[in-house]
Amino acid sequence: MRSIPRGEVRSYSQIALYAGRPGAARGVGREMATLPSGREVPWWRVTRAGGLLAPLVAVEQARRLRAEGVTVEQRGQTYRVKPAAEPPALPAARTKRLRRAR
């Protein structure tokens, strides 16, 4: 999460893929729930699939994303950011490891 650039977002599934654990999006969510309170990790840059913001923290998440220049749309109690057209490419070293694992 710390490597997500300011003003950009990634989904739980993208974080799992970058960590070398494709399909472990729920695990990413569980890990995020246990983040220590004293260390600032940019949790607000992580969204659900399709750019949806998590309901329990959506207002704060939307505020932080807007402060970084991200467009956040609101319909009722649902907040959504426009997802990137394509996810960023994996670093070359990570891609090689994933190919070997298959």
N, C-alpha and C. Protein backbone atom coordinates (compact mmCIF):
# COMPACT_ATOMS: atom_id res chain seq x y z
N MET A 1 0.82 -1.19 0.00
CA MET A 1 0.00 0.00 0.00
C MET A 1 0.86 1.26 0.00
N ARG A 2 1.99 1.17 0.65
CA ARG A 2 2.85 2.36 0.69
C ARG A 2 3.38 2.74 -0.68
N SER A 3 3.41 1.81 -1.61
CA SER A 3 3.94 2.10 -2.94
C SER A 3 2.88 2.66 -3.90
N ILE A 4 1.63 2.76 -3.47
CA ILE A 4 0.59 3.34 -4.32
C ILE A 4 0.83 4.84 -4.38
N PRO A 5 1.04 5.40 -5.57
CA PRO A 5 1.31 6.83 -5.67
C PRO A 5 0.13 7.68 -5.20
N ARG A 6 0.45 8.84 -4.67
CA ARG A 6 -0.56 9.80 -4.27
C ARG A 6 -1.46 10.10 -5.45
N GLY A 7 -2.77 10.13 -5.23
CA GLY A 7 -3.72 10.43 -6.29
C GLY A 7 -4.13 9.22 -7.12
N GLU A 8 -3.68 8.03 -6.75
CA GLU A 8 -4.06 6.81 -7.44
C GLU A 8 -4.65 5.82 -6.45
N VAL A 9 -5.43 4.89 -6.96
CA VAL A 9 -6.02 3.85 -6.12
C VAL A 9 -5.74 2.48 -6.72
N ARG A 10 -5.82 1.46 -5.87
CA ARG A 10 -5.71 0.07 -6.29
C ARG A 10 -6.82 -0.70 -5.58
N SER A 11 -7.21 -1.80 -6.17
CA SER A 11 -8.24 -2.64 -5.53
C SER A 11 -7.57 -3.66 -4.61
N TYR A 12 -8.38 -4.25 -3.76
CA TYR A 12 -7.89 -5.31 -2.88
C TYR A 12 -7.27 -6.42 -3.71
N SER A 13 -7.91 -6.77 -4.83
CA SER A 13 -7.39 -7.85 -5.67
C SER A 13 -6.07 -7.48 -6.33
N GLN A 14 -5.88 -6.22 -6.69
CA GLN A 14 -4.59 -5.79 -7.26
C GLN A 14 -3.49 -5.88 -6.21
N ILE A 15 -3.80 -5.49 -4.98
CA ILE A 15 -2.81 -5.59 -3.90
C ILE A 15 -2.41 -7.05 -3.70
N ALA A 16 -3.39 -7.94 -3.71
CA ALA A 16 -3.12 -9.37 -3.54
C ALA A 16 -2.23 -9.87 -4.69
N LEU A 17 -2.53 -9.46 -5.90
CA LEU A 17 -1.73 -9.87 -7.05
C LEU A 17 -0.30 -9.37 -6.92
N TYR A 18 -0.10 -8.12 -6.54
CA TYR A 18 1.23 -7.56 -6.37
C TYR A 18 2.00 -8.29 -5.28
N ALA A 19 1.28 -8.78 -4.28
CA ALA A 19 1.91 -9.51 -3.18
C ALA A 19 2.22 -10.96 -3.56
N GLY A 20 1.88 -11.33 -4.79
CA GLY A 20 2.14 -12.70 -5.23
C GLY A 20 1.09 -13.70 -4.79
N ARG A 21 -0.09 -13.20 -4.39
CA ARG A 21 -1.17 -14.07 -3.92
C ARG A 21 -2.45 -13.78 -4.69
N PRO A 22 -2.48 -14.06 -5.99
CA PRO A 22 -3.70 -13.79 -6.76
C PRO A 22 -4.90 -14.51 -6.13
N GLY A 23 -6.01 -13.83 -6.06
CA GLY A 23 -7.22 -14.41 -5.49
C GLY A 23 -7.35 -14.22 -3.98
N ALA A 24 -6.41 -13.53 -3.36
CA ALA A 24 -6.44 -13.37 -1.90
C ALA A 24 -6.91 -11.98 -1.48
N ALA A 25 -7.86 -11.42 -2.21
CA ALA A 25 -8.34 -10.07 -1.90
C ALA A 25 -8.93 -9.99 -0.50
N ARG A 26 -9.64 -11.02 -0.07
CA ARG A 26 -10.22 -10.99 1.29
C ARG A 26 -9.13 -10.99 2.35
N GLY A 27 -8.05 -11.68 2.08
CA GLY A 27 -6.91 -11.70 2.99
C GLY A 27 -6.30 -10.31 3.13
N VAL A 28 -6.25 -9.58 2.03
CA VAL A 28 -5.75 -8.20 2.08
C VAL A 28 -6.64 -7.37 3.00
N GLY A 29 -7.94 -7.53 2.86
CA GLY A 29 -8.88 -6.81 3.73
C GLY A 29 -8.69 -7.15 5.18
N ARG A 30 -8.48 -8.43 5.47
CA ARG A 30 -8.26 -8.83 6.87
C ARG A 30 -6.97 -8.22 7.41
N GLU A 31 -5.93 -8.21 6.61
CA GLU A 31 -4.67 -7.61 7.04
C GLU A 31 -4.82 -6.11 7.27
N MET A 32 -5.57 -5.46 6.40
CA MET A 32 -5.77 -4.02 6.54
C MET A 32 -6.52 -3.70 7.82
N ALA A 33 -7.40 -4.58 8.25
CA ALA A 33 -8.17 -4.36 9.47
C ALA A 33 -7.28 -4.40 10.72
N THR A 34 -6.09 -4.98 10.60
CA THR A 34 -5.20 -5.10 11.75
C THR A 34 -4.02 -4.13 11.70
N LEU A 35 -4.10 -3.11 10.83
CA LEU A 35 -3.00 -2.15 10.73
C LEU A 35 -2.81 -1.44 12.06
N PRO A 36 -1.56 -1.24 12.48
CA PRO A 36 -1.32 -0.54 13.75
C PRO A 36 -1.75 0.92 13.64
N SER A 37 -2.28 1.46 14.71
CA SER A 37 -2.82 2.82 14.68
C SER A 37 -1.74 3.88 14.68
N GLY A 38 -0.56 3.61 15.18
CA GLY A 38 0.49 4.61 15.25
C GLY A 38 1.21 4.88 13.94
N ARG A 39 1.12 3.95 12.98
CA ARG A 39 1.84 4.10 11.71
C ARG A 39 0.85 4.44 10.61
N GLU A 40 1.16 5.47 9.85
CA GLU A 40 0.25 5.91 8.78
C GLU A 40 0.54 5.13 7.50
N VAL A 41 -0.37 4.24 7.17
CA VAL A 41 -0.32 3.47 5.93
C VAL A 41 -1.48 3.98 5.09
N PRO A 42 -1.27 4.31 3.82
CA PRO A 42 -2.33 4.93 3.01
C PRO A 42 -3.46 3.95 2.64
N TRP A 43 -4.19 3.50 3.64
CA TRP A 43 -5.29 2.55 3.45
C TRP A 43 -6.37 3.13 2.55
N TRP A 44 -6.52 4.44 2.53
CA TRP A 44 -7.59 5.09 1.76
C TRP A 44 -7.39 4.95 0.26
N ARG A 45 -6.22 4.52 -0.19
CA ARG A 45 -5.96 4.34 -1.62
C ARG A 45 -6.36 2.96 -2.10
N VAL A 46 -6.95 2.15 -1.23
CA VAL A 46 -7.37 0.79 -1.59
C VAL A 46 -8.90 0.75 -1.62
N THR A 47 -9.45 0.26 -2.74
CA THR A 47 -10.90 0.22 -2.93
C THR A 47 -11.38 -1.20 -3.18
N ARG A 48 -12.67 -1.35 -3.13
CA ARG A 48 -13.28 -2.61 -3.54
C ARG A 48 -13.27 -2.68 -5.06
N ALA A 49 -13.70 -3.81 -5.61
CA ALA A 49 -13.77 -3.96 -7.06
C ALA A 49 -14.65 -2.87 -7.65
N GLY A 50 -14.27 -2.39 -8.81
CA GLY A 50 -15.05 -1.37 -9.49
C GLY A 50 -14.94 0.01 -8.88
N GLY A 51 -14.00 0.20 -7.95
CA GLY A 51 -13.79 1.51 -7.37
C GLY A 51 -14.71 1.86 -6.21
N LEU A 52 -15.47 0.89 -5.71
CA LEU A 52 -16.35 1.16 -4.56
C LEU A 52 -15.55 1.35 -3.29
N LEU A 53 -16.01 2.28 -2.46
CA LEU A 53 -15.37 2.51 -1.17
C LEU A 53 -16.10 1.71 -0.10
N ALA A 54 -15.34 1.23 0.88
CA ALA A 54 -15.91 0.42 1.96
C ALA A 54 -16.89 1.27 2.77
N PRO A 55 -18.12 0.80 2.99
CA PRO A 55 -19.15 1.60 3.65
C PRO A 55 -18.78 2.15 5.02
N LEU A 56 -18.09 1.40 5.84
CA LEU A 56 -17.79 1.85 7.20
C LEU A 56 -16.82 3.03 7.24
N VAL A 57 -16.00 3.18 6.22
CA VAL A 57 -15.00 4.26 6.21
C VAL A 57 -15.13 5.14 4.97
N ALA A 58 -16.22 5.02 4.22
CA ALA A 58 -16.35 5.69 2.92
C ALA A 58 -16.24 7.21 3.01
N VAL A 59 -16.84 7.81 4.02
CA VAL A 59 -16.82 9.28 4.13
C VAL A 59 -15.38 9.76 4.33
N GLU A 60 -14.66 9.15 5.27
CA GLU A 60 -13.27 9.54 5.53
C GLU A 60 -12.38 9.20 4.33
N GLN A 61 -12.60 8.04 3.73
CA GLN A 61 -11.81 7.63 2.57
C GLN A 61 -12.03 8.60 1.40
N ALA A 62 -13.27 8.96 1.15
CA ALA A 62 -13.59 9.91 0.08
C ALA A 62 -12.93 11.26 0.34
N ARG A 63 -12.96 11.72 1.58
CA ARG A 63 -12.34 13.00 1.94
C ARG A 63 -10.84 12.98 1.64
N ARG A 64 -10.18 11.90 2.05
CA ARG A 64 -8.73 11.79 1.83
C ARG A 64 -8.39 11.67 0.35
N LEU A 65 -9.17 10.88 -0.39
CA LEU A 65 -8.91 10.74 -1.83
C LEU A 65 -9.12 12.05 -2.57
N ARG A 66 -10.19 12.76 -2.23
CA ARG A 66 -10.45 14.06 -2.87
C ARG A 66 -9.31 15.04 -2.59
N ALA A 67 -8.75 14.99 -1.38
CA ALA A 67 -7.63 15.86 -1.04
C ALA A 67 -6.40 15.56 -1.89
N GLU A 68 -6.33 14.34 -2.43
CA GLU A 68 -5.22 13.95 -3.30
C GLU A 68 -5.55 14.16 -4.78
N GLY A 69 -6.74 14.70 -5.06
CA GLY A 69 -7.12 14.97 -6.44
C GLY A 69 -7.87 13.87 -7.15
N VAL A 70 -8.30 12.84 -6.43
CA VAL A 70 -9.06 11.74 -7.01
C VAL A 70 -10.53 12.14 -7.07
N THR A 71 -11.17 11.87 -8.19
CA THR A 71 -12.59 12.16 -8.33
C THR A 71 -13.39 11.04 -7.68
N VAL A 72 -14.22 11.41 -6.71
CA VAL A 72 -15.07 10.44 -6.01
C VAL A 72 -16.51 10.85 -6.24
N GLU A 73 -17.30 9.93 -6.78
CA GLU A 73 -18.72 10.19 -7.02
C GLU A 73 -19.54 9.60 -5.88
N GLN A 74 -20.62 10.30 -5.52
CA GLN A 74 -21.49 9.82 -4.46
C GLN A 74 -22.92 9.72 -4.96
N ARG A 75 -23.53 8.57 -4.70
CA ARG A 75 -24.96 8.35 -4.97
C ARG A 75 -25.56 7.79 -3.70
N GLY A 76 -26.28 8.62 -2.99
CA GLY A 76 -26.82 8.20 -1.70
C GLY A 76 -25.67 7.94 -0.74
N GLN A 77 -25.61 6.74 -0.20
CA GLN A 77 -24.54 6.36 0.72
C GLN A 77 -23.42 5.58 0.03
N THR A 78 -23.46 5.50 -1.30
CA THR A 78 -22.47 4.75 -2.07
C THR A 78 -21.45 5.72 -2.67
N TYR A 79 -20.19 5.44 -2.44
CA TYR A 79 -19.10 6.25 -2.98
C TYR A 79 -18.30 5.37 -3.94
N ARG A 80 -17.85 5.99 -5.04
CA ARG A 80 -17.10 5.23 -6.04
C ARG A 80 -16.08 6.14 -6.72
N VAL A 81 -14.88 5.59 -6.96
CA VAL A 81 -13.89 6.29 -7.75
C VAL A 81 -13.86 5.63 -9.12
N LYS A 82 -13.48 6.39 -10.11
CA LYS A 82 -13.39 5.83 -11.45
C LYS A 82 -12.15 4.95 -11.51
N PRO A 83 -12.32 3.65 -11.79
CA PRO A 83 -11.15 2.77 -11.82
C PRO A 83 -10.26 3.07 -13.02
N ALA A 84 -8.98 2.77 -12.88
CA ALA A 84 -8.04 2.95 -13.97
C ALA A 84 -8.42 2.03 -15.12
N ALA A 85 -8.16 2.45 -16.34
CA ALA A 85 -8.48 1.65 -17.52
C ALA A 85 -7.78 0.30 -17.47
N GLU A 86 -6.53 0.29 -17.08
CA GLU A 86 -5.77 -0.95 -16.94
C GLU A 86 -4.99 -0.89 -15.64
N PRO A 87 -4.87 -2.02 -14.95
CA PRO A 87 -4.04 -1.99 -13.75
C PRO A 87 -2.58 -1.80 -14.16
N PRO A 88 -1.79 -1.15 -13.33
CA PRO A 88 -0.38 -0.96 -13.65
C PRO A 88 0.31 -2.31 -13.80
N ALA A 89 1.33 -2.35 -14.61
CA ALA A 89 2.07 -3.60 -14.84
C ALA A 89 2.81 -4.00 -13.57
N LEU A 90 2.97 -5.30 -13.40
CA LEU A 90 3.76 -5.80 -12.29
C LEU A 90 5.23 -5.51 -12.54
N PRO A 91 6.00 -5.29 -11.49
CA PRO A 91 7.44 -5.15 -11.69
C PRO A 91 8.00 -6.41 -12.33
N ALA A 92 9.03 -6.29 -13.13
CA ALA A 92 9.60 -7.42 -13.89
C ALA A 92 9.97 -8.58 -12.98
N ALA A 93 10.59 -8.33 -11.86
CA ALA A 93 11.00 -9.41 -10.96
C ALA A 93 9.80 -10.18 -10.45
N ARG A 94 8.71 -9.50 -10.13
CA ARG A 94 7.51 -10.14 -9.63
C ARG A 94 6.88 -11.00 -10.72
N THR A 95 6.88 -10.52 -11.97
CA THR A 95 6.31 -11.26 -13.09
C THR A 95 7.06 -12.56 -13.30
N LYS A 96 8.38 -12.53 -13.21
CA LYS A 96 9.18 -13.74 -13.39
C LYS A 96 8.86 -14.77 -12.32
N ARG A 97 8.73 -14.32 -11.06
CA ARG A 97 8.41 -15.25 -9.97
C ARG A 97 7.04 -15.89 -10.18
N LEU A 98 6.06 -15.11 -10.63
CA LEU A 98 4.74 -15.67 -10.85
C LEU A 98 4.74 -16.68 -11.97
N ARG A 99 5.52 -16.44 -13.03
CA ARG A 99 5.60 -17.40 -14.14
C ARG A 99 6.21 -18.70 -13.67
N ARG A 100 7.27 -18.63 -12.84
CA ARG A 100 7.90 -19.85 -12.34
C ARG A 100 6.97 -20.64 -11.44
N ALA A 101 6.12 -19.95 -10.71
CA ALA A 101 5.20 -20.63 -9.79
C ALA A 101 4.11 -21.41 -10.51
N ARG A 102 3.82 -21.05 -11.73
CA ARG A 102 2.76 -21.74 -12.49
C ARG A 102 3.20 -23.04 -12.98
